[in-house]
PDB file of N, CA and C in Angstrom:
ATOM      1  N   UNK A   1      -8.988   5.377  29.379  1.00  0.00           N
ATOM      2  CA  UNK A   1      -8.546   6.613  28.743  1.00  0.00           C
ATOM      3  C   UNK A   1      -7.452   7.284  29.579  1.00  0.00           C
ATOM      4  N   UNK A   2      -7.579   7.143  30.892  1.00  0.00           N
ATOM      5  CA  UNK A   2      -6.592   7.757  31.770  1.00  0.00           C
ATOM      6  C   UNK A   2      -5.215   7.124  31.566  1.00  0.00           C
ATOM      7  N   UNK A   3      -5.175   5.815  31.305  1.00  0.00           N
ATOM      8  CA  UNK A   3      -3.898   5.152  31.057  1.00  0.00           C
ATOM      9  C   UNK A   3      -3.249   5.645  29.771  1.00  0.00           C
ATOM     10  N   UNK A   4      -4.059   5.956  28.762  1.00  0.00           N
ATOM     11  CA  UNK A   4      -3.501   6.493  27.520  1.00  0.00           C
ATOM     12  C   UNK A   4      -2.860   7.851  27.744  1.00  0.00           C
ATOM     13  N   UNK A   5      -3.483   8.661  28.587  1.00  0.00           N
ATOM     14  CA  UNK A   5      -2.928   9.984  28.871  1.00  0.00           C
ATOM     15  C   UNK A   5      -1.664   9.859  29.712  1.00  0.00           C
ATOM     16  N   UNK A   6      -1.654   8.932  30.653  1.00  0.00           N
ATOM     17  CA  UNK A   6      -0.481   8.763  31.510  1.00  0.00           C
ATOM     18  C   UNK A   6       0.689   8.134  30.773  1.00  0.00           C
ATOM     19  N   UNK A   7       0.412   7.298  29.803  1.00  0.00           N
ATOM     20  CA  UNK A   7       1.462   6.601  29.061  1.00  0.00           C
ATOM     21  C   UNK A   7       1.564   7.134  27.636  1.00  0.00           C
ATOM     22  N   UNK A   8       1.613   8.432  27.497  1.00  0.00           N
ATOM     23  CA  UNK A   8       1.614   9.020  26.158  1.00  0.00           C
ATOM     24  C   UNK A   8       2.877   8.693  25.380  1.00  0.00           C
ATOM     25  N   UNK A   9       3.994   8.439  26.053  1.00  0.00           N
ATOM     26  CA  UNK A   9       5.218   8.082  25.329  1.00  0.00           C
ATOM     27  C   UNK A   9       5.042   6.749  24.609  1.00  0.00           C
ATOM     28  N   UNK A  10       4.462   5.772  25.302  1.00  0.00           N
ATOM     29  CA  UNK A  10       4.251   4.464  24.692  1.00  0.00           C
ATOM     30  C   UNK A  10       3.249   4.543  23.552  1.00  0.00           C
ATOM     31  N   UNK A  11       2.192   5.323  23.736  1.00  0.00           N
ATOM     32  CA  UNK A  11       1.188   5.476  22.685  1.00  0.00           C
ATOM     33  C   UNK A  11       1.810   6.126  21.457  1.00  0.00           C
ATOM     34  N   UNK A  12       2.603   7.161  21.656  1.00  0.00           N
ATOM     35  CA  UNK A  12       3.252   7.828  20.533  1.00  0.00           C
ATOM     36  C   UNK A  12       4.234   6.889  19.841  1.00  0.00           C
ATOM     37  N   UNK A  13       4.932   6.059  20.605  1.00  0.00           N
ATOM     38  CA  UNK A  13       5.867   5.096  20.015  1.00  0.00           C
ATOM     39  C   UNK A  13       5.124   4.077  19.157  1.00  0.00           C
ATOM     40  N   UNK A  14       3.979   3.611  19.627  1.00  0.00           N
ATOM     41  CA  UNK A  14       3.190   2.645  18.858  1.00  0.00           C
ATOM     42  C   UNK A  14       2.637   3.287  17.597  1.00  0.00           C
ATOM     43  N   UNK A  15       2.206   4.545  17.689  1.00  0.00           N
ATOM     44  CA  UNK A  15       1.718   5.257  16.505  1.00  0.00           C
ATOM     45  C   UNK A  15       2.844   5.427  15.486  1.00  0.00           C
ATOM     46  N   UNK A  16       4.037   5.798  15.941  1.00  0.00           N
ATOM     47  CA  UNK A  16       5.181   5.924  15.032  1.00  0.00           C
ATOM     48  C   UNK A  16       5.497   4.592  14.364  1.00  0.00           C
ATOM     49  N   UNK A  17       5.504   3.526  15.135  1.00  0.00           N
ATOM     50  CA  UNK A  17       5.775   2.209  14.567  1.00  0.00           C
ATOM     51  C   UNK A  17       4.724   1.857  13.519  1.00  0.00           C
ATOM     52  N   UNK A  18       3.463   2.162  13.799  1.00  0.00           N
ATOM     53  CA  UNK A  18       2.391   1.886  12.840  1.00  0.00           C
ATOM     54  C   UNK A  18       2.528   2.688  11.565  1.00  0.00           C
ATOM     55  N   UNK A  19       2.887   3.957  11.681  1.00  0.00           N
ATOM     56  CA  UNK A  19       3.088   4.790  10.490  1.00  0.00           C
ATOM     57  C   UNK A  19       4.219   4.221   9.636  1.00  0.00           C
ATOM     58  N   UNK A  20       5.305   3.846  10.277  1.00  0.00           N
ATOM     59  CA  UNK A  20       6.419   3.259   9.537  1.00  0.00           C
ATOM     60  C   UNK A  20       6.043   1.945   8.886  1.00  0.00           C
ATOM     61  N   UNK A  21       5.266   1.115   9.588  1.00  0.00           N
ATOM     62  CA  UNK A  21       4.862  -0.177   9.037  1.00  0.00           C
ATOM     63  C   UNK A  21       3.960  -0.009   7.826  1.00  0.00           C
ATOM     64  N   UNK A  22       3.011   0.921   7.909  1.00  0.00           N
ATOM     65  CA  UNK A  22       2.115   1.180   6.778  1.00  0.00           C
ATOM     66  C   UNK A  22       2.905   1.728   5.592  1.00  0.00           C
ATOM     67  N   UNK A  23       3.852   2.610   5.850  1.00  0.00           N
ATOM     68  CA  UNK A  23       4.693   3.143   4.782  1.00  0.00           C
ATOM     69  C   UNK A  23       5.499   2.026   4.132  1.00  0.00           C
ATOM     70  N   UNK A  24       6.040   1.150   4.920  1.00  0.00           N
ATOM     71  CA  UNK A  24       6.828   0.031   4.405  1.00  0.00           C
ATOM     72  C   UNK A  24       5.962  -0.921   3.590  1.00  0.00           C
ATOM     73  N   UNK A  25       4.717  -1.087   3.980  1.00  0.00           N
ATOM     74  CA  UNK A  25       3.844  -2.057   3.338  1.00  0.00           C
ATOM     75  C   UNK A  25       3.245  -1.553   2.031  1.00  0.00           C
ATOM     76  N   UNK A  26       2.838  -0.289   1.970  1.00  0.00           N
ATOM     77  CA  UNK A  26       2.019   0.177   0.860  1.00  0.00           C
ATOM     78  C   UNK A  26       2.742   0.994  -0.197  1.00  0.00           C
ATOM     79  N   UNK A  27       3.972   1.384   0.023  1.00  0.00           N
ATOM     80  CA  UNK A  27       4.697   2.163  -0.977  1.00  0.00           C
ATOM     81  C   UNK A  27       5.658   1.265  -1.733  1.00  0.00           C
ATOM     82  N   UNK A  28       5.778   1.493  -3.036  1.00  0.00           N
ATOM     83  CA  UNK A  28       6.662   0.688  -3.869  1.00  0.00           C
ATOM     84  C   UNK A  28       8.003   1.361  -4.121  1.00  0.00           C
ATOM     85  N   UNK A  29       8.113   2.643  -3.799  1.00  0.00           N
ATOM     86  CA  UNK A  29       9.375   3.349  -3.978  1.00  0.00           C
ATOM     87  C   UNK A  29      10.348   2.919  -2.890  1.00  0.00           C
ATOM     88  N   UNK A  30      11.566   2.603  -3.299  1.00  0.00           N
ATOM     89  CA  UNK A  30      12.552   2.069  -2.367  1.00  0.00           C
ATOM     90  C   UNK A  30      12.957   3.094  -1.304  1.00  0.00           C
ATOM     91  N   UNK A  31      13.056   4.360  -1.675  1.00  0.00           N
ATOM     92  CA  UNK A  31      13.422   5.402  -0.707  1.00  0.00           C
ATOM     93  C   UNK A  31      12.324   5.548   0.349  1.00  0.00           C
ATOM     94  N   UNK A  32      11.069   5.478  -0.076  1.00  0.00           N
ATOM     95  CA  UNK A  32       9.966   5.564   0.888  1.00  0.00           C
ATOM     96  C   UNK A  32       9.962   4.367   1.830  1.00  0.00           C
ATOM     97  N   UNK A  33      10.333   3.207   1.325  1.00  0.00           N
ATOM     98  CA  UNK A  33      10.432   2.028   2.191  1.00  0.00           C
ATOM     99  C   UNK A  33      11.546   2.199   3.221  1.00  0.00           C
ATOM    100  N   UNK A  34      12.658   2.787   2.814  1.00  0.00           N
ATOM    101  CA  UNK A  34      13.763   3.032   3.748  1.00  0.00           C
ATOM    102  C   UNK A  34      13.334   4.034   4.817  1.00  0.00           C
ATOM    103  N   UNK A  35      12.615   5.078   4.407  1.00  0.00           N
ATOM    104  CA  UNK A  35      12.111   6.058   5.370  1.00  0.00           C
ATOM    105  C   UNK A  35      11.130   5.392   6.339  1.00  0.00           C
ATOM    106  N   UNK A  36      10.254   4.538   5.820  1.00  0.00           N
ATOM    107  CA  UNK A  36       9.320   3.818   6.680  1.00  0.00           C
ATOM    108  C   UNK A  36      10.024   2.936   7.692  1.00  0.00           C
ATOM    109  N   UNK A  37      11.090   2.273   7.265  1.00  0.00           N
ATOM    110  CA  UNK A  37      11.857   1.437   8.186  1.00  0.00           C
ATOM    111  C   UNK A  37      12.518   2.282   9.272  1.00  0.00           C
ATOM    112  N   UNK A  38      13.010   3.466   8.906  1.00  0.00           N
ATOM    113  CA  UNK A  38      13.611   4.353   9.904  1.00  0.00           C
ATOM    114  C   UNK A  38      12.572   4.889  10.885  1.00  0.00           C
ATOM    115  N   UNK A  39      11.360   5.150  10.417  1.00  0.00           N
ATOM    116  CA  UNK A  39      10.294   5.588  11.319  1.00  0.00           C
ATOM    117  C   UNK A  39       9.938   4.462  12.292  1.00  0.00           C
ATOM    118  N   UNK A  40       9.906   3.227  11.789  1.00  0.00           N
ATOM    119  CA  UNK A  40       9.661   2.082  12.675  1.00  0.00           C
ATOM    120  C   UNK A  40      10.755   1.960  13.730  1.00  0.00           C
ATOM    121  N   UNK A  41      12.000   2.142  13.318  1.00  0.00           N
ATOM    122  CA  UNK A  41      13.116   2.099  14.269  1.00  0.00           C
ATOM    123  C   UNK A  41      12.957   3.159  15.350  1.00  0.00           C
ATOM    124  N   UNK A  42      12.576   4.355  14.939  1.00  0.00           N
ATOM    125  CA  UNK A  42      12.408   5.447  15.896  1.00  0.00           C
ATOM    126  C   UNK A  42      11.313   5.121  16.907  1.00  0.00           C
ATOM    127  N   UNK A  43      10.208   4.563  16.436  1.00  0.00           N
ATOM    128  CA  UNK A  43       9.143   4.161  17.349  1.00  0.00           C
ATOM    129  C   UNK A  43       9.597   3.098  18.334  1.00  0.00           C
ATOM    130  N   UNK A  44      10.379   2.148  17.848  1.00  0.00           N
ATOM    131  CA  UNK A  44      10.887   1.097  18.725  1.00  0.00           C
ATOM    132  C   UNK A  44      11.842   1.656  19.771  1.00  0.00           C
ATOM    133  N   UNK A  45      12.723   2.554  19.366  1.00  0.00           N
ATOM    134  CA  UNK A  45      13.677   3.138  20.316  1.00  0.00           C
ATOM    135  C   UNK A  45      12.969   4.008  21.349  1.00  0.00           C
ATOM    136  N   UNK A  46      11.960   4.747  20.915  1.00  0.00           N
ATOM    137  CA  UNK A  46      11.191   5.551  21.860  1.00  0.00           C
ATOM    138  C   UNK A  46      10.470   4.656  22.865  1.00  0.00           C
ATOM    139  N   UNK A  47       9.934   3.544  22.394  1.00  0.00           N
ATOM    140  CA  UNK A  47       9.248   2.617  23.294  1.00  0.00           C
ATOM    141  C   UNK A  47      10.218   2.026  24.313  1.00  0.00           C
ATOM    142  N   UNK A  48      11.390   1.595  23.857  1.00  0.00           N
ATOM    143  CA  UNK A  48      12.380   1.034  24.782  1.00  0.00           C
ATOM    144  C   UNK A  48      12.841   2.066  25.810  1.00  0.00           C
ATOM    145  N   UNK A  49      13.086   3.286  25.344  1.00  0.00           N
ATOM    146  CA  UNK A  49      13.549   4.328  26.267  1.00  0.00           C
ATOM    147  C   UNK A  49      12.469   4.683  27.282  1.00  0.00           C
ATOM    148  N   UNK A  50      11.215   4.729  26.842  1.00  0.00           N
ATOM    149  CA  UNK A  50      10.144   5.081  27.775  1.00  0.00           C
ATOM    150  C   UNK A  50       9.874   3.957  28.774  1.00  0.00           C
ATOM    151  N   UNK A  51      10.099   2.713  28.381  1.00  0.00           N
ATOM    152  CA  UNK A  51       9.898   1.608  29.318  1.00  0.00           C
ATOM    153  C   UNK A  51      11.007   1.555  30.370  1.00  0.00           C
ATOM    154  N   UNK A  52      12.191   2.025  30.030  1.00  0.00           N
ATOM    155  CA  UNK A  52      13.298   1.986  30.974  1.00  0.00           C
ATOM    156  C   UNK A  52      13.335   3.155  31.932  1.00  0.00           C
ATOM    157  N   UNK A  53      12.544   4.188  31.651  1.00  0.00           N
ATOM    158  CA  UNK A  53      12.568   5.378  32.502  1.00  0.00           C
ATOM    159  C   UNK A  53      11.612   5.196  33.673  1.00  0.00           C
ATOM    160  N   UNK A  54      12.051   5.587  34.856  1.00  0.00           N
ATOM    161  CA  UNK A  54      11.227   5.540  36.064  1.00  0.00           C
ATOM    162  C   UNK A  54      11.082   6.972  36.568  1.00  0.00           C
ATOM    163  N   UNK A  55       9.846   7.442  36.688  1.00  0.00           N
ATOM    164  CA  UNK A  55       9.615   8.799  37.159  1.00  0.00           C
ATOM    165  C   UNK A  55      10.118   8.957  38.586  1.00  0.00           C
ATOM    166  N   UNK A  56      10.920   9.980  38.802  1.00  0.00           N
ATOM    167  CA  UNK A  56      11.459  10.242  40.122  1.00  0.00           C
ATOM    168  C   UNK A  56      12.728   9.484  40.425  1.00  0.00           C
ATOM    169  N   UNK A  57      13.172   8.645  39.507  1.00  0.00           N
ATOM    170  CA  UNK A  57      14.392   7.873  39.725  1.00  0.00           C
ATOM    171  C   UNK A  57      15.630   8.691  39.408  1.00  0.00           C
ATOM    172  N   UNK A  58      16.736   8.284  39.993  1.00  0.00           N
ATOM    173  CA  UNK A  58      18.006   8.970  39.775  1.00  0.00           C
ATOM    174  C   UNK A  58      18.836   8.220  38.743  1.00  0.00           C
ATOM    175  N   UNK A  59      19.884   8.889  38.270  1.00  0.00           N
ATOM    176  CA  UNK A  59      20.821   8.244  37.356  1.00  0.00           C
ATOM    177  C   UNK A  59      21.530   7.110  38.086  1.00  0.00           C
ATOM    178  N   UNK A  60      21.900   6.049  37.369  1.00  0.00           N
ATOM    179  CA  UNK A  60      22.514   4.892  38.043  1.00  0.00           C
ATOM    180  C   UNK A  60      23.964   5.136  38.447  1.00  0.00           C
ATOM    181  N   UNK A  61      24.157   6.173  39.222  1.00  0.00           N
ATOM    182  CA  UNK A  61      25.461   6.516  39.785  1.00  0.00           C
ATOM    183  C   UNK A  61      25.284   6.488  41.298  1.00  0.00           C
ATOM    184  N   UNK A  62      26.262   5.996  42.004  1.00  0.00           N
ATOM    185  CA  UNK A  62      26.128   5.859  43.453  1.00  0.00           C
ATOM    186  C   UNK A  62      25.886   7.217  44.091  1.00  0.00           C
ATOM    187  N   UNK A  63      24.840   7.287  44.890  1.00  0.00           N
ATOM    188  CA  UNK A  63      24.520   8.498  45.643  1.00  0.00           C
ATOM    189  C   UNK A  63      24.044   8.084  47.034  1.00  0.00           C
ATOM    190  N   UNK A  64      24.230   8.962  47.985  1.00  0.00           N
ATOM    191  CA  UNK A  64      23.884   8.657  49.376  1.00  0.00           C
ATOM    192  C   UNK A  64      22.373   8.520  49.582  1.00  0.00           C
ATOM    193  N   UNK A  65      21.604   9.475  49.059  1.00  0.00           N
ATOM    194  CA  UNK A  65      20.183   9.541  49.367  1.00  0.00           C
ATOM    195  C   UNK A  65      19.297   9.047  48.228  1.00  0.00           C
ATOM    196  N   UNK A  66      19.803   8.250  47.348  1.00  0.00           N
ATOM    197  CA  UNK A  66      19.005   7.800  46.204  1.00  0.00           C
ATOM    198  C   UNK A  66      18.019   6.725  46.642  1.00  0.00           C
ATOM    199  N   UNK A  67      16.759   6.924  46.274  1.00  0.00           N
ATOM    200  CA  UNK A  67      15.736   5.947  46.609  1.00  0.00           C
ATOM    201  C   UNK A  67      15.749   4.777  45.640  1.00  0.00           C
ATOM    202  N   UNK A  68      15.699   5.072  44.365  1.00  0.00           N
ATOM    203  CA  UNK A  68      15.756   4.028  43.348  1.00  0.00           C
ATOM    204  C   UNK A  68      16.371   4.625  42.088  1.00  0.00           C
ATOM    205  N   UNK A  69      16.870   3.751  41.253  1.00  0.00           N
ATOM    206  CA  UNK A  69      17.609   4.170  40.066  1.00  0.00           C
ATOM    207  C   UNK A  69      16.835   3.842  38.792  1.00  0.00           C
ATOM    208  N   UNK A  70      17.179   4.569  37.749  1.00  0.00           N
ATOM    209  CA  UNK A  70      16.658   4.289  36.421  1.00  0.00           C
ATOM    210  C   UNK A  70      17.465   3.134  35.836  1.00  0.00           C
ATOM    211  N   UNK A  71      16.801   2.236  35.132  1.00  0.00           N
ATOM    212  CA  UNK A  71      17.475   1.088  34.532  1.00  0.00           C
ATOM    213  C   UNK A  71      18.328   1.553  33.341  1.00  0.00           C
ATOM    214  N   UNK A  72      19.645   1.324  33.353  1.00  0.00           N
ATOM    215  CA  UNK A  72      20.502   1.799  32.262  1.00  0.00           C
ATOM    216  C   UNK A  72      20.529   0.874  31.046  1.00  0.00           C
ATOM    217  N   UNK A  73      20.008  -0.346  31.167  1.00  0.00           N
ATOM    218  CA  UNK A  73      20.083  -1.300  30.055  1.00  0.00           C
ATOM    219  C   UNK A  73      19.284  -0.834  28.836  1.00  0.00           C
ATOM    220  N   UNK A  74      18.029  -0.362  28.975  1.00  0.00           N
ATOM    221  CA  UNK A  74      17.317   0.107  27.782  1.00  0.00           C
ATOM    222  C   UNK A  74      18.022   1.268  27.083  1.00  0.00           C
ATOM    223  N   UNK A  75      18.644   2.155  27.843  1.00  0.00           N
ATOM    224  CA  UNK A  75      19.369   3.268  27.216  1.00  0.00           C
ATOM    225  C   UNK A  75      20.548   2.750  26.403  1.00  0.00           C
ATOM    226  N   UNK A  76      21.252   1.766  26.926  1.00  0.00           N
ATOM    227  CA  UNK A  76      22.354   1.167  26.174  1.00  0.00           C
ATOM    228  C   UNK A  76      21.869   0.457  24.926  1.00  0.00           C
ATOM    229  N   UNK A  77      20.738  -0.242  25.036  1.00  0.00           N
ATOM    230  CA  UNK A  77      20.169  -0.911  23.868  1.00  0.00           C
ATOM    231  C   UNK A  77      19.737   0.089  22.806  1.00  0.00           C
ATOM    232  N   UNK A  78      19.158   1.197  23.236  1.00  0.00           N
ATOM    233  CA  UNK A  78      18.724   2.219  22.286  1.00  0.00           C
ATOM    234  C   UNK A  78      19.925   2.822  21.564  1.00  0.00           C
ATOM    235  N   UNK A  79      20.975   3.143  22.296  1.00  0.00           N
ATOM    236  CA  UNK A  79      22.162   3.712  21.651  1.00  0.00           C
ATOM    237  C   UNK A  79      22.792   2.731  20.670  1.00  0.00           C
ATOM    238  N   UNK A  80      22.874   1.472  21.048  1.00  0.00           N
ATOM    239  CA  UNK A  80      23.404   0.457  20.137  1.00  0.00           C
ATOM    240  C   UNK A  80      22.507   0.303  18.917  1.00  0.00           C
ATOM    241  N   UNK A  81      21.200   0.317  19.130  1.00  0.00           N
ATOM    242  CA  UNK A  81      20.258   0.208  18.020  1.00  0.00           C
ATOM    243  C   UNK A  81      20.347   1.372  17.059  1.00  0.00           C
ATOM    244  N   UNK A  82      20.569   2.569  17.576  1.00  0.00           N
ATOM    245  CA  UNK A  82      20.702   3.736  16.704  1.00  0.00           C
ATOM    246  C   UNK A  82      21.928   3.598  15.817  1.00  0.00           C
ATOM    247  N   UNK A  83      23.031   3.132  16.377  1.00  0.00           N
ATOM    248  CA  UNK A  83      24.253   2.946  15.580  1.00  0.00           C
ATOM    249  C   UNK A  83      24.023   1.901  14.491  1.00  0.00           C
ATOM    250  N   UNK A  84      23.391   0.794  14.845  1.00  0.00           N
ATOM    251  CA  UNK A  84      23.110  -0.250  13.859  1.00  0.00           C
ATOM    252  C   UNK A  84      22.146   0.264  12.796  1.00  0.00           C
ATOM    253  N   UNK A  85      21.144   1.027  13.204  1.00  0.00           N
ATOM    254  CA  UNK A  85      20.163   1.568  12.267  1.00  0.00           C
ATOM    255  C   UNK A  85      20.805   2.516  11.262  1.00  0.00           C
ATOM    256  N   UNK A  86      21.710   3.356  11.722  1.00  0.00           N
ATOM    257  CA  UNK A  86      22.401   4.273  10.808  1.00  0.00           C
ATOM    258  C   UNK A  86      23.241   3.481   9.812  1.00  0.00           C
ATOM    259  N   UNK A  87      23.904   2.444  10.275  1.00  0.00           N
ATOM    260  CA  UNK A  87      24.730   1.622   9.386  1.00  0.00           C
ATOM    261  C   UNK A  87      23.879   0.901   8.344  1.00  0.00           C
ATOM    262  N   UNK A  88      22.772   0.322   8.772  1.00  0.00           N
ATOM    263  CA  UNK A  88      21.891  -0.385   7.844  1.00  0.00           C
ATOM    264  C   UNK A  88      21.275   0.584   6.845  1.00  0.00           C
ATOM    265  N   UNK A  89      20.917   1.782   7.298  1.00  0.00           N
ATOM    266  CA  UNK A  89      20.367   2.791   6.393  1.00  0.00           C
ATOM    267  C   UNK A  89      21.389   3.196   5.342  1.00  0.00           C
ATOM    268  N   UNK A  90      22.636   3.356   5.734  1.00  0.00           N
ATOM    269  CA  UNK A  90      23.683   3.703   4.771  1.00  0.00           C
ATOM    270  C   UNK A  90      23.853   2.605   3.729  1.00  0.00           C
ATOM    271  N   UNK A  91      23.820   1.359   4.156  1.00  0.00           N
ATOM    272  CA  UNK A  91      23.941   0.250   3.201  1.00  0.00           C
ATOM    273  C   UNK A  91      22.735   0.209   2.271  1.00  0.00           C
ATOM    274  N   UNK A  92      21.530   0.399   2.816  1.00  0.00           N
ATOM    275  CA  UNK A  92      20.331   0.382   1.974  1.00  0.00           C
ATOM    276  C   UNK A  92      20.346   1.512   0.956  1.00  0.00           C
ATOM    277  N   UNK A  93      20.792   2.690   1.366  1.00  0.00           N
ATOM    278  CA  UNK A  93      20.850   3.811   0.425  1.00  0.00           C
ATOM    279  C   UNK A  93      21.896   3.576  -0.655  1.00  0.00           C
ATOM    280  N   UNK A  94      23.030   2.989  -0.298  1.00  0.00           N
ATOM    281  CA  UNK A  94      24.046   2.713  -1.318  1.00  0.00           C
ATOM    282  C   UNK A  94      23.553   1.652  -2.299  1.00  0.00           C
ATOM    283  N   UNK A  95      22.836   0.643  -1.812  1.00  0.00           N
ATOM    284  CA  UNK A  95      22.259  -0.347  -2.722  1.00  0.00           C
ATOM    285  C   UNK A  95      21.159   0.261  -3.585  1.00  0.00           C
ATOM    286  N   UNK A  96      20.430   1.227  -3.049  1.00  0.00           N
ATOM    287  CA  UNK A  96      19.411   1.923  -3.840  1.00  0.00           C
ATOM    288  C   UNK A  96      20.044   2.694  -4.989  1.00  0.00           C
ATOM    289  N   UNK A  97      21.181   3.316  -4.725  1.00  0.00           N
ATOM    290  CA  UNK A  97      21.891   4.036  -5.789  1.00  0.00           C
ATOM    291  C   UNK A  97      22.323   3.056  -6.876  1.00  0.00           C
ATOM    292  N   UNK A  98      22.839   1.898  -6.481  1.00  0.00           N
ATOM    293  CA  UNK A  98      23.253   0.884  -7.464  1.00  0.00           C
ATOM    294  C   UNK A  98      22.061   0.391  -8.281  1.00  0.00           C
ATOM    295  N   UNK A  99      20.925   0.171  -7.625  1.00  0.00           N
ATOM    296  CA  UNK A  99      19.729  -0.262  -8.349  1.00  0.00           C
ATOM    297  C   UNK A  99      19.251   0.802  -9.323  1.00  0.00           C
ATOM    298  N   UNK A 100      19.315   2.070  -8.913  1.00  0.00           N
ATOM    299  CA  UNK A 100      18.877   3.143  -9.801  1.00  0.00           C
ATOM    300  C   UNK A 100      19.788   3.249 -11.017  1.00  0.00           C
ATOM    301  N   UNK A 101      21.095   3.112 -10.813  1.00  0.00           N
ATOM    302  CA  UNK A 101      22.024   3.170 -11.950  1.00  0.00           C
ATOM    303  C   UNK A 101      21.804   2.003 -12.905  1.00  0.00           C
ATOM    304  N   UNK A 102      21.442   0.854 -12.379  1.00  0.00           N
ATOM    305  CA  UNK A 102      21.273  -0.323 -13.230  1.00  0.00           C
ATOM    306  C   UNK A 102      19.921  -0.354 -13.936  1.00  0.00           C
ATOM    307  N   UNK A 103      18.840  -0.014 -13.229  1.00  0.00           N
ATOM    308  CA  UNK A 103      17.498  -0.149 -13.787  1.00  0.00           C
ATOM    309  C   UNK A 103      16.833   1.177 -14.138  1.00  0.00           C
ATOM    310  N   UNK A 104      17.359   2.291 -13.674  1.00  0.00           N
ATOM    311  CA  UNK A 104      16.794   3.593 -14.012  1.00  0.00           C
ATOM    312  C   UNK A 104      15.543   3.959 -13.238  1.00  0.00           C
ATOM    313  N   UNK A 105      15.204   3.222 -12.212  1.00  0.00           N
ATOM    314  CA  UNK A 105      14.025   3.511 -11.402  1.00  0.00           C
ATOM    315  C   UNK A 105      14.232   2.964  -9.993  1.00  0.00           C
ATOM    316  N   UNK A 106      13.444   3.474  -9.063  1.00  0.00           N
ATOM    317  CA  UNK A 106      13.456   2.955  -7.698  1.00  0.00           C
ATOM    318  C   UNK A 106      12.138   2.274  -7.337  1.00  0.00           C
ATOM    319  N   UNK A 107      11.244   2.133  -8.328  1.00  0.00           N
ATOM    320  CA  UNK A 107       9.984   1.438  -8.108  1.00  0.00           C
ATOM    321  C   UNK A 107      10.255  -0.064  -8.136  1.00  0.00           C
ATOM    322  N   UNK A 108       9.917  -0.750  -7.070  1.00  0.00           N
ATOM    323  CA  UNK A 108      10.248  -2.167  -6.957  1.00  0.00           C
ATOM    324  C   UNK A 108       9.510  -3.034  -7.970  1.00  0.00           C
ATOM    325  N   UNK A 109       8.286  -2.656  -8.337  1.00  0.00           N
ATOM    326  CA  UNK A 109       7.558  -3.424  -9.350  1.00  0.00           C
ATOM    327  C   UNK A 109       8.250  -3.337 -10.702  1.00  0.00           C
ATOM    328  N   UNK A 110       8.688  -2.139 -11.068  1.00  0.00           N
ATOM    329  CA  UNK A 110       9.379  -1.967 -12.347  1.00  0.00           C
ATOM    330  C   UNK A 110      10.729  -2.674 -12.349  1.00  0.00           C
ATOM    331  N   UNK A 111      11.444  -2.617 -11.242  1.00  0.00           N
ATOM    332  CA  UNK A 111      12.731  -3.318 -11.146  1.00  0.00           C
ATOM    333  C   UNK A 111      12.509  -4.818 -11.298  1.00  0.00           C
ATOM    334  N   UNK A 112      11.464  -5.336 -10.683  1.00  0.00           N
ATOM    335  CA  UNK A 112      11.164  -6.763 -10.790  1.00  0.00           C
ATOM    336  C   UNK A 112      10.855  -7.142 -12.234  1.00  0.00           C
ATOM    337  N   UNK A 113      10.047  -6.332 -12.925  1.00  0.00           N
ATOM    338  CA  UNK A 113       9.694  -6.649 -14.311  1.00  0.00           C
ATOM    339  C   UNK A 113      10.903  -6.599 -15.231  1.00  0.00           C
ATOM    340  N   UNK A 114      11.745  -5.588 -15.076  1.00  0.00           N
ATOM    341  CA  UNK A 114      12.938  -5.477 -15.921  1.00  0.00           C
ATOM    342  C   UNK A 114      13.885  -6.639 -15.649  1.00  0.00           C
ATOM    343  N   UNK A 115      14.086  -6.975 -14.397  1.00  0.00           N
ATOM    344  CA  UNK A 115      14.971  -8.091 -14.057  1.00  0.00           C
ATOM    345  C   UNK A 115      14.403  -9.413 -14.569  1.00  0.00           C
ATOM    346  N   UNK A 116      13.109  -9.581 -14.489  1.00  0.00           N
ATOM    347  CA  UNK A 116      12.476 -10.807 -14.981  1.00  0.00           C
ATOM    348  C   UNK A 116      12.596 -10.925 -16.493  1.00  0.00           C
ATOM    349  N   UNK A 117      12.430  -9.806 -17.202  1.00  0.00           N
ATOM    350  CA  UNK A 117      12.580  -9.827 -18.658  1.00  0.00           C
ATOM    351  C   UNK A 117      14.012 -10.151 -19.060  1.00  0.00           C
ATOM    352  N   UNK A 118      14.990  -9.639 -18.317  1.00  0.00           N
ATOM    353  CA  UNK A 118      16.389  -9.938 -18.626  1.00  0.00           C
ATOM    354  C   UNK A 118      16.695 -11.415 -18.413  1.00  0.00           C
ATOM    355  N   UNK A 119      16.089 -12.013 -17.397  1.00  0.00           N
ATOM    356  CA  UNK A 119      16.306 -13.442 -17.150  1.00  0.00           C
ATOM    357  C   UNK A 119      15.646 -14.275 -18.241  1.00  0.00           C
ATOM    358  N   UNK A 120      14.452 -13.865 -18.693  1.00  0.00           N
ATOM    359  CA  UNK A 120      13.743 -14.611 -19.734  1.00  0.00           C
ATOM    360  C   UNK A 120      14.430 -14.509 -21.088  1.00  0.00           C
ATOM    361  N   UNK A 121      15.178 -13.428 -21.325  1.00  0.00           N
ATOM    362  CA  UNK A 121      15.877 -13.259 -22.597  1.00  0.00           C
ATOM    363  C   UNK A 121      17.060 -14.208 -22.724  1.00  0.00           C
ATOM    364  N   UNK A 122      17.579 -14.683 -21.635  1.00  0.00           N
ATOM    365  CA  UNK A 122      18.765 -15.553 -21.672  1.00  0.00           C
ATOM    366  C   UNK A 122      18.450 -16.905 -22.165  1.00  0.00           C
TER     367      UNK A 122
END
């Protein structure tokens, strides 16, 4: 139990990832799935950032009296991941708009049925 209290950032990141995964798995609305994917991304970025942080460490800039430095690689990965996540979210939302204009709904089951009926009519 003491480890859970000491590592609350990692626990919160895992909880966020789980919430996003459950949202992605159990909701049929496309917008809710996109939100779930973004929550999963946030949990992953929080986990990476918390693993790269060292308590009492200094910024990775040369200093005379620095004992040890914080690892800058996870921070760079998180920033790159955020940029990619925003881009992917924009593409998913634009495709959602196209699907809504074509099928009139964002429910994936209904989109599948309408698309299947159109294929069977041919």
